[in-house]
Amino acid sequence: MSKPMTKTQLVAALAEEMGSDKKSAAGALEGIINIITREVSGGGAVTLPGVGKIYCRERPARMVRNPATGEQIQKEADKVVKMTIAKALKDSVNG
C-alpha cells in the first residue's frame, strides 16, 4: 500500500488539474474544507459527486469496556462523522 497523498501534493495536483497556480488551488481546497466542516458540524451532509457523502451521525449512550482493566463504564451519547463512498468510486477501484 502506498503512502497517502499529503496536502502539499494534493494542492500541486489540484493546481495542475485546474491549470492554475498553487496559491489559487490551496485557496480552493481550503474553501471546500471550510464548507464541508461548517455544513457537517451543523448537522447537515455534503455530497461530493463521484466521491461520496460526508455526514454526521448521533450515537446513543452505551456501555463500553476499558481494555486495560476490563471495567464497564457508561459512555455518553456523542456524534461521529461518517462517509459513504460513491458507487462510481468503488467501481473504479475494483476495475
C-alpha atoms as a PDB file:
ATOM      1  CA  MET A   1       0.000   0.000   0.000  1.00  0.00           C
ATOM      2  CA  SER A   2       1.350   3.416  -0.918  1.00  0.00           C
ATOM      3  CA  LYS A   3       1.517   6.402   1.396  1.00  0.00           C
ATOM      4  CA  PRO A   4      -1.468   8.782   1.470  1.00  0.00           C
ATOM      5  CA  MET A   5      -1.200  11.950  -0.599  1.00  0.00           C
ATOM      6  CA  THR A   6      -0.093  14.907   1.531  1.00  0.00           C
ATOM      7  CA  LYS A   7      -1.823  18.273   1.475  1.00  0.00           C
ATOM      8  CA  THR A   8       1.119  19.774  -0.459  1.00  0.00           C
ATOM      9  CA  GLN A   9       0.899  17.013  -3.065  1.00  0.00           C
ATOM     10  CA  LEU A  10      -2.878  17.435  -3.282  1.00  0.00           C
ATOM     11  CA  VAL A  11      -2.552  21.203  -3.794  1.00  0.00           C
ATOM     12  CA  ALA A  12       0.069  20.653  -6.520  1.00  0.00           C
ATOM     13  CA  ALA A  13      -2.121  18.068  -8.294  1.00  0.00           C
ATOM     14  CA  LEU A  14      -5.175  20.324  -7.994  1.00  0.00           C
ATOM     15  CA  ALA A  15      -3.241  23.272  -9.427  1.00  0.00           C
ATOM     16  CA  GLU A  16      -2.134  21.153 -12.367  1.00  0.00           C
ATOM     17  CA  GLU A  17      -5.682  19.844 -12.950  1.00  0.00           C
ATOM     18  CA  MET A  18      -7.110  23.393 -12.790  1.00  0.00           C
ATOM     19  CA  GLY A  19      -4.338  24.843 -14.952  1.00  0.00           C
ATOM     20  CA  SER A  20      -3.735  27.353 -12.183  1.00  0.00           C
ATOM     21  CA  ASP A  21      -1.092  28.301  -9.654  1.00  0.00           C
ATOM     22  CA  LYS A  22      -0.654  26.555  -6.297  1.00  0.00           C
ATOM     23  CA  LYS A  23      -1.900  29.584  -4.338  1.00  0.00           C
ATOM     24  CA  SER A  24      -5.278  29.506  -6.108  1.00  0.00           C
ATOM     25  CA  ALA A  25      -5.510  25.747  -5.702  1.00  0.00           C
ATOM     26  CA  ALA A  26      -4.693  25.998  -1.981  1.00  0.00           C
ATOM     27  CA  GLY A  27      -7.406  28.636  -1.576  1.00  0.00           C
ATOM     28  CA  ALA A  28      -9.938  26.461  -3.397  1.00  0.00           C
ATOM     29  CA  LEU A  29      -9.055  23.447  -1.252  1.00  0.00           C
ATOM     30  CA  GLU A  30      -9.315  25.478   1.977  1.00  0.00           C
ATOM     31  CA  GLY A  31     -12.695  26.818   0.832  1.00  0.00           C
ATOM     32  CA  ILE A  32     -14.033  23.325   0.180  1.00  0.00           C
ATOM     33  CA  ILE A  33     -12.750  22.081   3.541  1.00  0.00           C
ATOM     34  CA  ASN A  34     -14.349  25.038   5.354  1.00  0.00           C
ATOM     35  CA  ILE A  35     -17.715  24.498   3.631  1.00  0.00           C
ATOM     36  CA  ILE A  36     -17.728  20.759   4.437  1.00  0.00           C
ATOM     37  CA  THR A  37     -16.715  21.391   8.060  1.00  0.00           C
ATOM     38  CA  ARG A  38     -19.370  24.066   8.575  1.00  0.00           C
ATOM     39  CA  GLU A  39     -22.155  22.019   6.965  1.00  0.00           C
ATOM     40  CA  VAL A  40     -21.392  18.696   8.697  1.00  0.00           C
ATOM     41  CA  SER A  41     -20.800  20.243  12.142  1.00  0.00           C
ATOM     42  CA  GLY A  42     -24.180  21.962  11.762  1.00  0.00           C
ATOM     43  CA  GLY A  43     -25.864  18.582  11.331  1.00  0.00           C
ATOM     44  CA  GLY A  44     -26.060  18.621   7.537  1.00  0.00           C
ATOM     45  CA  ALA A  45     -24.457  16.494   4.875  1.00  0.00           C
ATOM     46  CA  VAL A  46     -22.287  17.184   1.844  1.00  0.00           C
ATOM     47  CA  THR A  47     -22.264  15.071  -1.310  1.00  0.00           C
ATOM     48  CA  LEU A  48     -19.095  15.128  -3.382  1.00  0.00           C
ATOM     49  CA  PRO A  49     -20.200  13.818  -6.805  1.00  0.00           C
ATOM     50  CA  GLY A  50     -18.263  10.715  -7.766  1.00  0.00           C
ATOM     51  CA  VAL A  51     -16.593  10.514  -4.338  1.00  0.00           C
ATOM     52  CA  GLY A  52     -19.250  10.097  -1.665  1.00  0.00           C
ATOM     53  CA  LYS A  53     -21.392  11.668   1.017  1.00  0.00           C
ATOM     54  CA  ILE A  54     -19.998  13.088   4.285  1.00  0.00           C
ATOM     55  CA  TYR A  55     -22.460  13.353   7.167  1.00  0.00           C
ATOM     56  CA  CYS A  56     -22.771  13.439  10.950  1.00  0.00           C
ATOM     57  CA  ARG A  57     -24.470  10.633  12.861  1.00  0.00           C
ATOM     58  CA  GLU A  58     -25.509  10.612  16.506  1.00  0.00           C
ATOM     59  CA  ARG A  59     -24.539   7.619  18.636  1.00  0.00           C
ATOM     60  CA  PRO A  60     -26.654   6.772  21.669  1.00  0.00           C
ATOM     61  CA  ALA A  61     -25.290   6.422  25.206  1.00  0.00           C
ATOM     62  CA  ARG A  62     -23.851   2.951  25.741  1.00  0.00           C
ATOM     63  CA  MET A  63     -21.769   0.725  27.988  1.00  0.00           C
ATOM     64  CA  VAL A  64     -18.111   0.322  26.976  1.00  0.00           C
ATOM     65  CA  ARG A  65     -15.266  -1.728  28.437  1.00  0.00           C
ATOM     66  CA  ASN A  66     -11.888  -0.318  29.472  1.00  0.00           C
ATOM     67  CA  PRO A  67      -9.446  -2.712  27.738  1.00  0.00           C
ATOM     68  CA  ALA A  68      -6.753  -2.198  30.388  1.00  0.00           C
ATOM     69  CA  THR A  69      -8.903  -3.018  33.430  1.00  0.00           C
ATOM     70  CA  GLY A  70     -11.949  -4.743  31.949  1.00  0.00           C
ATOM     71  CA  GLU A  71     -14.153  -2.288  33.855  1.00  0.00           C
ATOM     72  CA  GLN A  72     -17.504  -1.393  32.291  1.00  0.00           C
ATOM     73  CA  ILE A  73     -18.261   2.331  32.106  1.00  0.00           C
ATOM     74  CA  GLN A  74     -21.143   4.371  30.752  1.00  0.00           C
ATOM     75  CA  LYS A  75     -20.242   6.422  27.676  1.00  0.00           C
ATOM     76  CA  GLU A  76     -22.436   9.427  26.939  1.00  0.00           C
ATOM     77  CA  ALA A  77     -24.163   9.973  23.611  1.00  0.00           C
ATOM     78  CA  ASP A  78     -21.941  11.617  21.032  1.00  0.00           C
ATOM     79  CA  LYS A  79     -21.696  12.454  17.344  1.00  0.00           C
ATOM     80  CA  VAL A  80     -19.425  10.864  14.764  1.00  0.00           C
ATOM     81  CA  VAL A  81     -18.571  11.917  11.208  1.00  0.00           C
ATOM     82  CA  LYS A  82     -19.207   9.221   8.601  1.00  0.00           C
ATOM     83  CA  MET A  83     -18.628   8.919   4.876  1.00  0.00           C
ATOM     84  CA  THR A  84     -20.469   6.758   2.394  1.00  0.00           C
ATOM     85  CA  ILE A  85     -18.360   6.067  -0.699  1.00  0.00           C
ATOM     86  CA  ALA A  86     -19.990   6.613  -4.113  1.00  0.00           C
ATOM     87  CA  LYS A  87     -20.609   3.601  -6.327  1.00  0.00           C
ATOM     88  CA  ALA A  88     -18.625   5.209  -9.174  1.00  0.00           C
ATOM     89  CA  LEU A  89     -15.507   5.379  -6.984  1.00  0.00           C
ATOM     90  CA  LYS A  90     -15.961   1.805  -5.726  1.00  0.00           C
ATOM     91  CA  ASP A  91     -16.338   0.582  -9.325  1.00  0.00           C
ATOM     92  CA  SER A  92     -13.221   2.452 -10.497  1.00  0.00           C
ATOM     93  CA  VAL A  93     -11.154   0.915  -7.673  1.00  0.00           C
ATOM     94  CA  ASN A  94     -12.423  -2.598  -8.340  1.00  0.00           C
ATOM     95  CA  GLY A  95     -11.670  -2.433 -12.044  1.00  0.00           C
END
